[in-house]
N, C-alpha and C. Protein backbone atom coordinates (compact mmCIF):
# COMPACT_ATOMS: atom_id res chain seq x y z
N UNK A 1 -11.56 11.92 -9.80
CA UNK A 1 -11.54 11.06 -8.67
C UNK A 1 -10.57 9.94 -8.94
N UNK A 2 -9.81 9.61 -7.91
CA UNK A 2 -8.76 8.60 -7.95
C UNK A 2 -9.41 7.22 -7.81
N UNK A 3 -9.13 6.29 -8.77
CA UNK A 3 -9.70 4.96 -8.77
C UNK A 3 -8.59 3.93 -8.68
N UNK A 4 -8.41 3.33 -7.44
CA UNK A 4 -7.31 2.36 -7.29
C UNK A 4 -7.51 1.13 -8.13
N UNK A 5 -8.74 0.79 -8.42
CA UNK A 5 -9.03 -0.46 -9.18
C UNK A 5 -8.45 -0.34 -10.56
N UNK A 6 -8.44 0.81 -11.19
CA UNK A 6 -7.91 0.94 -12.52
C UNK A 6 -6.39 0.84 -12.56
N UNK A 7 -5.74 1.10 -11.40
CA UNK A 7 -4.32 1.06 -11.33
C UNK A 7 -3.76 -0.28 -10.86
N UNK A 8 -4.61 -1.30 -10.66
CA UNK A 8 -4.16 -2.57 -10.17
C UNK A 8 -3.20 -3.19 -11.18
N UNK A 9 -2.07 -3.64 -10.74
CA UNK A 9 -1.11 -4.32 -11.58
C UNK A 9 -1.25 -5.78 -11.32
N UNK A 10 -1.11 -6.61 -12.37
CA UNK A 10 -1.23 -8.00 -12.16
C UNK A 10 -0.10 -8.54 -11.22
N UNK A 11 -0.54 -9.15 -10.15
CA UNK A 11 0.42 -9.70 -9.17
C UNK A 11 -0.01 -11.14 -8.90
N UNK A 12 1.02 -11.98 -8.97
CA UNK A 12 0.74 -13.37 -8.65
C UNK A 12 0.92 -13.56 -7.17
N UNK A 13 -0.15 -13.94 -6.46
CA UNK A 13 0.00 -14.04 -5.00
C UNK A 13 0.92 -15.21 -4.67
N UNK A 14 1.66 -15.06 -3.57
CA UNK A 14 2.52 -16.16 -3.11
C UNK A 14 1.63 -17.31 -2.75
N UNK A 15 2.11 -18.50 -3.02
CA UNK A 15 1.34 -19.68 -2.66
C UNK A 15 1.39 -19.83 -1.12
N UNK A 16 0.28 -20.24 -0.58
CA UNK A 16 0.19 -20.49 0.87
C UNK A 16 0.31 -21.99 1.16
N UNK A 17 0.79 -22.28 2.30
CA UNK A 17 0.89 -23.71 2.68
C UNK A 17 -0.52 -24.30 2.81
N UNK A 18 -0.62 -25.58 2.70
CA UNK A 18 -1.91 -26.24 2.84
C UNK A 18 -2.35 -26.26 4.29
N UNK A 19 -1.41 -26.17 5.24
CA UNK A 19 -1.72 -26.14 6.66
C UNK A 19 -1.15 -24.87 7.25
N UNK A 20 -1.65 -24.54 8.40
CA UNK A 20 -1.23 -23.30 9.04
C UNK A 20 -0.03 -23.54 9.98
N UNK A 21 1.05 -24.07 9.47
CA UNK A 21 2.29 -24.22 10.24
C UNK A 21 3.26 -23.22 9.71
N UNK A 22 3.03 -21.98 9.91
CA UNK A 22 3.85 -20.90 9.35
C UNK A 22 4.97 -20.46 10.22
N UNK A 23 5.03 -20.87 11.49
CA UNK A 23 6.06 -20.41 12.36
C UNK A 23 7.05 -21.55 12.54
N UNK A 24 8.32 -21.22 12.72
CA UNK A 24 9.29 -22.23 12.99
C UNK A 24 9.00 -22.82 14.38
N UNK A 25 9.34 -24.03 14.63
CA UNK A 25 9.02 -24.71 15.89
C UNK A 25 9.60 -23.98 17.12
N UNK A 26 10.68 -23.26 16.99
CA UNK A 26 11.32 -22.60 18.11
C UNK A 26 10.95 -21.15 18.22
N UNK A 27 10.10 -20.68 17.37
CA UNK A 27 9.70 -19.23 17.38
C UNK A 27 8.78 -18.99 18.53
N UNK A 28 8.95 -17.84 19.23
CA UNK A 28 8.19 -17.54 20.40
C UNK A 28 6.71 -17.35 20.12
N UNK A 29 6.37 -17.10 18.89
CA UNK A 29 4.92 -16.89 18.56
C UNK A 29 4.24 -18.15 18.14
N UNK A 30 4.97 -19.25 18.12
CA UNK A 30 4.38 -20.54 17.70
C UNK A 30 3.61 -21.12 18.87
N UNK A 31 2.41 -20.57 19.08
CA UNK A 31 1.59 -20.98 20.20
C UNK A 31 0.39 -21.76 19.67
N UNK A 32 -0.26 -22.44 20.53
CA UNK A 32 -1.47 -23.14 20.18
C UNK A 32 -2.51 -22.18 19.66
N UNK A 33 -2.66 -21.06 20.28
CA UNK A 33 -3.64 -20.05 19.84
C UNK A 33 -3.30 -19.55 18.44
N UNK A 34 -2.07 -19.33 18.17
CA UNK A 34 -1.71 -18.81 16.83
C UNK A 34 -1.99 -19.87 15.78
N UNK A 35 -1.66 -21.09 16.03
CA UNK A 35 -1.91 -22.20 15.07
C UNK A 35 -3.41 -22.39 14.87
N UNK A 36 -4.20 -22.33 15.97
CA UNK A 36 -5.61 -22.52 15.88
C UNK A 36 -6.29 -21.39 15.07
N UNK A 37 -5.81 -20.17 15.32
CA UNK A 37 -6.32 -19.00 14.63
C UNK A 37 -6.04 -19.09 13.14
N UNK A 38 -4.80 -19.38 12.82
CA UNK A 38 -4.41 -19.51 11.41
C UNK A 38 -5.15 -20.63 10.72
N UNK A 39 -5.31 -21.74 11.37
CA UNK A 39 -6.00 -22.86 10.78
C UNK A 39 -7.46 -22.51 10.55
N UNK A 40 -8.11 -21.76 11.42
CA UNK A 40 -9.48 -21.36 11.22
C UNK A 40 -9.62 -20.34 10.09
N UNK A 41 -8.56 -19.49 9.92
CA UNK A 41 -8.67 -18.46 8.90
C UNK A 41 -8.26 -18.94 7.50
N UNK A 42 -7.53 -20.03 7.47
CA UNK A 42 -6.99 -20.50 6.16
C UNK A 42 -8.07 -20.72 5.08
N UNK A 43 -9.19 -21.33 5.35
CA UNK A 43 -10.24 -21.46 4.30
C UNK A 43 -10.70 -20.13 3.74
N UNK A 44 -10.87 -19.10 4.56
CA UNK A 44 -11.25 -17.79 4.09
C UNK A 44 -10.16 -17.16 3.24
N UNK A 45 -8.92 -17.41 3.64
CA UNK A 45 -7.77 -16.85 2.91
C UNK A 45 -7.74 -17.51 1.50
N UNK A 46 -7.87 -18.78 1.43
CA UNK A 46 -7.87 -19.46 0.11
C UNK A 46 -9.06 -19.07 -0.73
N UNK A 47 -10.23 -18.88 -0.07
CA UNK A 47 -11.41 -18.41 -0.80
C UNK A 47 -11.09 -17.05 -1.48
N UNK A 48 -10.50 -16.13 -0.72
CA UNK A 48 -10.13 -14.81 -1.31
C UNK A 48 -9.17 -14.92 -2.45
N UNK A 49 -8.14 -15.73 -2.24
CA UNK A 49 -7.13 -15.90 -3.32
C UNK A 49 -7.77 -16.45 -4.59
N UNK A 50 -8.64 -17.44 -4.39
CA UNK A 50 -9.31 -18.08 -5.59
C UNK A 50 -10.25 -17.09 -6.26
N UNK A 51 -10.74 -16.10 -5.50
CA UNK A 51 -11.67 -15.13 -6.10
C UNK A 51 -11.06 -14.02 -6.83
N UNK A 52 -9.74 -13.80 -6.67
CA UNK A 52 -9.03 -12.65 -7.32
C UNK A 52 -9.29 -12.58 -8.83
N UNK A 53 -9.10 -13.65 -9.59
CA UNK A 53 -9.29 -13.54 -11.04
C UNK A 53 -10.69 -13.10 -11.45
N UNK A 54 -11.67 -13.43 -10.65
CA UNK A 54 -13.07 -13.14 -11.01
C UNK A 54 -13.52 -11.75 -10.58
N UNK A 55 -13.09 -11.31 -9.36
CA UNK A 55 -13.60 -10.07 -8.80
C UNK A 55 -12.58 -9.03 -8.49
N UNK A 56 -11.30 -9.36 -8.61
CA UNK A 56 -10.23 -8.38 -8.30
C UNK A 56 -9.79 -8.52 -6.87
N UNK A 57 -8.60 -7.90 -6.62
CA UNK A 57 -7.99 -8.00 -5.26
C UNK A 57 -8.85 -7.36 -4.17
N UNK A 58 -9.32 -6.14 -4.42
CA UNK A 58 -10.01 -5.39 -3.36
C UNK A 58 -11.27 -6.11 -2.92
N UNK A 59 -12.06 -6.55 -3.92
CA UNK A 59 -13.31 -7.21 -3.61
C UNK A 59 -13.05 -8.61 -2.95
N UNK A 60 -12.08 -9.38 -3.52
CA UNK A 60 -11.76 -10.69 -2.94
C UNK A 60 -11.28 -10.55 -1.51
N UNK A 61 -10.47 -9.53 -1.22
CA UNK A 61 -9.98 -9.35 0.14
C UNK A 61 -11.16 -8.96 1.03
N UNK A 62 -12.05 -8.12 0.54
CA UNK A 62 -13.19 -7.70 1.33
C UNK A 62 -14.08 -8.94 1.71
N UNK A 63 -14.30 -9.79 0.72
CA UNK A 63 -15.06 -10.99 0.95
C UNK A 63 -14.36 -11.93 1.96
N UNK A 64 -13.04 -12.15 1.83
CA UNK A 64 -12.31 -13.03 2.65
C UNK A 64 -12.32 -12.52 4.12
N UNK A 65 -12.11 -11.21 4.29
CA UNK A 65 -12.10 -10.65 5.64
C UNK A 65 -13.53 -10.73 6.26
N UNK A 66 -14.53 -10.51 5.47
CA UNK A 66 -15.93 -10.62 5.94
C UNK A 66 -16.26 -12.02 6.37
N UNK A 67 -15.81 -12.98 5.62
CA UNK A 67 -16.01 -14.41 5.94
C UNK A 67 -15.29 -14.68 7.27
N UNK A 68 -14.04 -14.19 7.38
CA UNK A 68 -13.30 -14.40 8.63
C UNK A 68 -13.98 -13.80 9.88
N UNK A 69 -14.56 -12.65 9.63
CA UNK A 69 -15.27 -11.95 10.73
C UNK A 69 -16.46 -12.79 11.16
N UNK A 70 -17.22 -13.29 10.17
CA UNK A 70 -18.41 -14.12 10.53
C UNK A 70 -17.99 -15.41 11.19
N UNK A 71 -16.87 -15.98 10.77
CA UNK A 71 -16.36 -17.16 11.45
C UNK A 71 -16.08 -16.86 12.92
N UNK A 72 -15.51 -15.71 13.14
CA UNK A 72 -15.26 -15.27 14.54
C UNK A 72 -16.49 -15.03 15.35
N UNK A 73 -17.58 -14.78 14.65
CA UNK A 73 -18.86 -14.51 15.33
C UNK A 73 -19.62 -15.80 15.58
N UNK A 74 -19.06 -16.97 15.16
CA UNK A 74 -19.66 -18.27 15.42
C UNK A 74 -20.31 -18.92 14.23
N UNK A 75 -20.31 -18.28 13.07
CA UNK A 75 -20.93 -18.85 11.91
C UNK A 75 -20.06 -20.06 11.44
N UNK A 76 -20.67 -21.08 10.89
CA UNK A 76 -19.81 -22.14 10.28
C UNK A 76 -19.41 -21.60 8.89
N UNK A 77 -18.34 -22.23 8.35
CA UNK A 77 -17.75 -21.71 7.12
C UNK A 77 -18.74 -21.54 6.00
N UNK A 78 -19.52 -22.56 5.68
CA UNK A 78 -20.41 -22.50 4.51
C UNK A 78 -21.48 -21.42 4.74
N UNK A 79 -22.00 -21.28 5.91
CA UNK A 79 -22.95 -20.15 6.20
C UNK A 79 -22.31 -18.83 6.04
N UNK A 80 -21.08 -18.73 6.53
CA UNK A 80 -20.39 -17.42 6.33
C UNK A 80 -20.19 -17.08 4.87
N UNK A 81 -19.78 -18.08 4.07
CA UNK A 81 -19.58 -17.86 2.61
C UNK A 81 -20.88 -17.48 1.97
N UNK A 82 -21.93 -18.24 2.28
CA UNK A 82 -23.26 -17.94 1.65
C UNK A 82 -23.75 -16.58 2.03
N UNK A 83 -23.54 -16.19 3.26
CA UNK A 83 -23.99 -14.84 3.74
C UNK A 83 -23.25 -13.74 3.00
N UNK A 84 -21.93 -13.88 2.90
CA UNK A 84 -21.10 -12.85 2.18
C UNK A 84 -21.45 -12.82 0.71
N UNK A 85 -21.60 -13.97 0.11
CA UNK A 85 -21.95 -13.95 -1.32
C UNK A 85 -23.31 -13.34 -1.56
N UNK A 86 -24.24 -13.48 -0.63
CA UNK A 86 -25.55 -12.88 -0.81
C UNK A 86 -25.56 -11.41 -0.82
N UNK A 87 -24.53 -10.79 -0.28
CA UNK A 87 -24.43 -9.34 -0.27
C UNK A 87 -24.17 -8.72 -1.65
N UNK A 88 -23.48 -9.54 -2.50
CA UNK A 88 -23.10 -9.01 -3.81
C UNK A 88 -23.65 -9.78 -4.98
N UNK A 89 -23.96 -11.04 -4.76
CA UNK A 89 -24.35 -11.90 -5.85
C UNK A 89 -25.81 -12.31 -5.72
N UNK A 90 -26.57 -12.22 -6.78
CA UNK A 90 -27.98 -12.60 -6.71
C UNK A 90 -28.10 -14.09 -6.41
N UNK A 91 -29.14 -14.42 -5.60
CA UNK A 91 -29.35 -15.83 -5.26
C UNK A 91 -30.16 -16.56 -6.31
């Protein structure tokens, strides 16, 4: 059976900006909705990046995306983090 986790190569993730101003001011996608979405997702992204050394890329990405999904469902950030952590980590 093929196991991707065993083949992970150490990669240093690119550093992300502290704010979600990723588009140039004149870029057509630089909309209020884009900035608002990126700003809302940024804490989950940083959570995932911070988790990579402890749980690996696949698991950290799964947690970050799950947190982002729960944020979209109306959960506040800390409740989303606690909920996702409870799925894998004993309380």
